[in-house]
Each structure stands twice: as structure tokens, then as C-alpha cells.
C-alpha atoms as a PDB file:
ATOM      1  CA  MET A   1      11.378 -31.858 -65.729  1.00  0.00           C
ATOM      2  CA  ASN A   2      13.387 -32.022 -68.834  1.00  0.00           C
ATOM      3  CA  PRO A   3      11.200 -33.901 -71.894  1.00  0.00           C
ATOM      4  CA  ILE A   4      14.282 -35.937 -72.484  1.00  0.00           C
ATOM      5  CA  ALA A   5      16.354 -38.184 -69.869  1.00  0.00           C
ATOM      6  CA  SER A   6      19.929 -37.735 -69.898  1.00  0.00           C
ATOM      7  CA  THR A   7      20.856 -41.440 -69.436  1.00  0.00           C
ATOM      8  CA  PRO A   8      24.318 -43.142 -69.140  1.00  0.00           C
ATOM      9  CA  GLU A   9      26.078 -45.393 -71.128  1.00  0.00           C
ATOM     10  CA  PRO A  10      24.155 -48.513 -71.502  1.00  0.00           C
ATOM     11  CA  PRO A  11      23.258 -51.028 -70.230  1.00  0.00           C
ATOM     12  CA  TYR A  12      20.664 -49.929 -67.933  1.00  0.00           C
ATOM     13  CA  TYR A  13      16.866 -50.419 -67.198  1.00  0.00           C
ATOM     14  CA  ALA A  14      13.705 -48.992 -68.691  1.00  0.00           C
ATOM     15  CA  VAL A  15      10.579 -49.333 -66.976  1.00  0.00           C
ATOM     16  CA  ILE A  16       7.425 -48.748 -69.548  1.00  0.00           C
ATOM     17  CA  PHE A  17       4.304 -47.857 -67.801  1.00  0.00           C
ATOM     18  CA  THR A  18       1.551 -47.525 -70.446  1.00  0.00           C
ATOM     19  CA  SER A  19      -1.827 -46.382 -69.173  1.00  0.00           C
ATOM     20  CA  ARG A  20      -5.461 -45.587 -69.660  1.00  0.00           C
ATOM     21  CA  ARG A  21      -7.367 -43.234 -67.332  1.00  0.00           C
ATOM     22  CA  THR A  22     -10.734 -43.876 -65.942  1.00  0.00           C
ATOM     23  CA  ASP A  23     -13.448 -41.449 -66.722  1.00  0.00           C
ATOM     24  CA  SER A  24     -13.576 -40.346 -62.897  1.00  0.00           C
ATOM     25  CA  ASP A  25     -12.685 -36.817 -62.261  1.00  0.00           C
ATOM     26  CA  ASN A  26      -9.288 -37.995 -60.868  1.00  0.00           C
ATOM     27  CA  VAL A  27      -8.904 -35.904 -58.291  1.00  0.00           C
ATOM     28  CA  GLY A  28      -5.489 -35.678 -56.723  1.00  0.00           C
ATOM     29  CA  TYR A  29      -4.046 -37.596 -60.058  1.00  0.00           C
ATOM     30  CA  GLY A  30      -1.616 -34.550 -60.828  1.00  0.00           C
ATOM     31  CA  GLU A  31      -0.456 -34.155 -57.051  1.00  0.00           C
ATOM     32  CA  MET A  32       0.166 -38.023 -57.060  1.00  0.00           C
ATOM     33  CA  ALA A  33       2.517 -37.963 -60.106  1.00  0.00           C
ATOM     34  CA  ASP A  34       4.274 -35.027 -58.912  1.00  0.00           C
ATOM     35  CA  LYS A  35       4.740 -36.536 -55.609  1.00  0.00           C
ATOM     36  CA  MET A  36       5.895 -40.073 -57.065  1.00  0.00           C
ATOM     37  CA  PHE A  37       8.320 -38.390 -59.590  1.00  0.00           C
ATOM     38  CA  ALA A  38       9.871 -36.205 -56.590  1.00  0.00           C
ATOM     39  CA  LEU A  39      10.061 -39.408 -54.536  1.00  0.00           C
ATOM     40  CA  ALA A  40      11.699 -41.740 -57.296  1.00  0.00           C
ATOM     41  CA  SER A  41      14.026 -39.039 -58.328  1.00  0.00           C
ATOM     42  CA  GLN A  42      15.621 -39.594 -54.623  1.00  0.00           C
ATOM     43  CA  GLN A  43      15.900 -43.544 -54.972  1.00  0.00           C
ATOM     44  CA  PRO A  44      19.225 -44.967 -55.437  1.00  0.00           C
ATOM     45  CA  GLY A  45      19.584 -46.154 -59.068  1.00  0.00           C
ATOM     46  CA  PHE A  46      17.203 -43.657 -60.393  1.00  0.00           C
ATOM     47  CA  LEU A  47      18.522 -42.218 -63.672  1.00  0.00           C
ATOM     48  CA  GLY A  48      15.377 -40.089 -65.102  1.00  0.00           C
ATOM     49  CA  VAL A  49      11.607 -40.469 -66.852  1.00  0.00           C
ATOM     50  CA  GLU A  50       9.982 -39.374 -69.909  1.00  0.00           C
ATOM     51  CA  SER A  51       6.209 -38.866 -69.553  1.00  0.00           C
ATOM     52  CA  VAL A  52       3.619 -37.875 -72.227  1.00  0.00           C
ATOM     53  CA  ARG A  53      -0.138 -38.134 -72.325  1.00  0.00           C
ATOM     54  CA  GLY A  54      -2.541 -37.824 -75.158  1.00  0.00           C
ATOM     55  CA  PRO A  55      -5.941 -35.918 -75.117  1.00  0.00           C
ATOM     56  CA  ASP A  56      -7.198 -39.705 -75.465  1.00  0.00           C
ATOM     57  CA  GLY A  57      -6.338 -40.536 -72.249  1.00  0.00           C
ATOM     58  CA  ILE A  58      -3.344 -42.935 -72.829  1.00  0.00           C
ATOM     59  CA  GLY A  59      -0.310 -42.229 -71.099  1.00  0.00           C
ATOM     60  CA  ILE A  60       3.176 -43.361 -71.568  1.00  0.00           C
ATOM     61  CA  THR A  61       5.903 -43.049 -68.708  1.00  0.00           C
ATOM     62  CA  VAL A  62       9.352 -44.714 -68.862  1.00  0.00           C
ATOM     63  CA  SER A  63      11.725 -44.405 -66.246  1.00  0.00           C
ATOM     64  CA  TYR A  64      15.370 -45.234 -66.231  1.00  0.00           C
ATOM     65  CA  TRP A  65      17.034 -47.434 -63.439  1.00  0.00           C
ATOM     66  CA  GLU A  66      20.675 -48.874 -62.993  1.00  0.00           C
ATOM     67  CA  SER A  67      19.557 -52.274 -62.189  1.00  0.00           C
ATOM     68  CA  LEU A  68      16.733 -54.787 -61.597  1.00  0.00           C
ATOM     69  CA  GLU A  69      17.674 -54.476 -58.127  1.00  0.00           C
ATOM     70  CA  ALA A  70      16.717 -50.515 -58.227  1.00  0.00           C
ATOM     71  CA  ILE A  71      13.139 -51.370 -59.963  1.00  0.00           C
ATOM     72  CA  LYS A  72      12.377 -53.808 -57.308  1.00  0.00           C
ATOM     73  CA  ASN A  73      13.391 -51.434 -54.326  1.00  0.00           C
ATOM     74  CA  TRP A  74      11.303 -48.730 -56.295  1.00  0.00           C
ATOM     75  CA  LYS A  75       7.851 -50.841 -56.676  1.00  0.00           C
ATOM     76  CA  ARG A  76       8.350 -51.784 -53.024  1.00  0.00           C
ATOM     77  CA  ASN A  77       8.611 -48.098 -51.800  1.00  0.00           C
ATOM     78  CA  GLU A  78       5.665 -47.896 -49.342  1.00  0.00           C
ATOM     79  CA  GLU A  79       4.684 -44.410 -50.591  1.00  0.00           C
ATOM     80  CA  HIS A  80       4.556 -45.728 -54.274  1.00  0.00           C
ATOM     81  CA  LEU A  81       2.522 -48.806 -52.747  1.00  0.00           C
ATOM     82  CA  VAL A  82       0.019 -46.337 -51.990  1.00  0.00           C
ATOM     83  CA  ALA A  83      -0.008 -44.753 -55.117  1.00  0.00           C
ATOM     84  CA  GLN A  84      -0.294 -48.081 -56.921  1.00  0.00           C
ATOM     85  CA  GLY A  85      -3.263 -49.102 -54.958  1.00  0.00           C
ATOM     86  CA  LYS A  86      -4.957 -45.546 -55.843  1.00  0.00           C
ATOM     87  CA  GLY A  87      -4.187 -46.055 -59.595  1.00  0.00           C
ATOM     88  CA  LYS A  88      -5.909 -49.579 -59.597  1.00  0.00           C
ATOM     89  CA  SER A  89      -8.953 -48.840 -57.368  1.00  0.00           C
ATOM     90  CA  VAL A  90      -9.688 -45.281 -58.903  1.00  0.00           C
ATOM     91  CA  TRP A  91      -7.260 -43.492 -61.629  1.00  0.00           C
ATOM     92  CA  TYR A  92      -6.767 -46.415 -64.042  1.00  0.00           C
ATOM     93  CA  GLN A  93      -8.996 -48.121 -66.698  1.00  0.00           C
ATOM     94  CA  GLN A  94      -6.093 -50.188 -67.843  1.00  0.00           C
ATOM     95  CA  TYR A  95      -2.349 -50.287 -67.818  1.00  0.00           C
ATOM     96  CA  GLN A  96       0.687 -52.315 -69.020  1.00  0.00           C
ATOM     97  CA  ILE A  97       4.243 -52.370 -67.351  1.00  0.00           C
ATOM     98  CA  ARG A  98       7.352 -53.382 -69.278  1.00  0.00           C
ATOM     99  CA  ILE A  99      10.742 -53.931 -67.994  1.00  0.00           C
ATOM    100  CA  CYS A 100      13.433 -53.627 -70.729  1.00  0.00           C
ATOM    101  CA  LYS A 101      17.230 -54.076 -70.617  1.00  0.00           C
ATOM    102  CA  VAL A 102      18.514 -50.900 -72.822  1.00  0.00           C
ATOM    103  CA  GLU A 103      21.817 -52.170 -74.434  1.00  0.00           C
ATOM    104  CA  ARG A 104      22.216 -49.284 -77.302  1.00  0.00           C
ATOM    105  CA  GLU A 105      21.257 -45.905 -77.125  1.00  0.00           C
ATOM    106  CA  TYR A 106      21.582 -42.850 -79.958  1.00  0.00           C
ATOM    107  CA  GLY A 107      20.230 -39.894 -81.007  1.00  0.00           C
ATOM    108  CA  LEU A 108      20.674 -36.257 -81.853  1.00  0.00           C
ATOM    109  CA  GLU A 109      20.699 -32.876 -79.978  1.00  0.00           C
ATOM    110  CA  ARG A 110      20.990 -29.527 -82.007  1.00  0.00           C
ATOM    111  CA  SER A 111      21.890 -26.405 -80.242  1.00  0.00           C
ATOM    112  CA  GLY A 112      20.180 -23.195 -80.358  1.00  0.00           C
END
């Protein structure tokens, strides 16, 4: 996975998922995260994802989507619903989801 998503010209949408994991052993978490990335990548309207997790257990994942409808469809995906349930019952102490419209973007990329 490329650390910085390549997105189209705005407008498009970002889903920001900020979480704090539980102190449980998190069995299966990594496998499920990989599975959800692969599944999301196949969804109509998916543009990319960026994800980091600090040593304190706080993680931020930003997924990019063409439309609000694409986001709604991903939220309702049956396999994603299973992962959401496991996250609520086992893996997450706390989480917050924010949905934003990206209206502008700019950046820098050096070669070499």
C-alpha cells in the first residue's frame, strides 16, 4: 500500500476513522484490517486510503471516496458490517468517524 493515496482532482470525500484500541490481545485484528483494505479497494467509488497507528494505540485511517453514496454502500457492505461488529465488541476502546468533502488539495513530491 502506498503511504500517500493518489487522489483525483477535488471534489471527493474523505472518511476519517480515529480509534483507540483495547488492551485485549486483538487476535485477528491485523488479518481483518488487511481483508477490509482489499475489500474496500474493490468497491465502486473507492479512491484510496492512508493509515497510521502510534505506539500509544491511537490510529487514524483516512479513506477517500468519489461520493457520499459510495461511502454509504461501503458502510452497508456485509463483510464490513461483520468487521464493524467485531471492532465494537472487541478491538476498539473508542472511535470517531468524520466524513468530509475535499474541496481543495495541494502538496509536494520530490523525486529521488
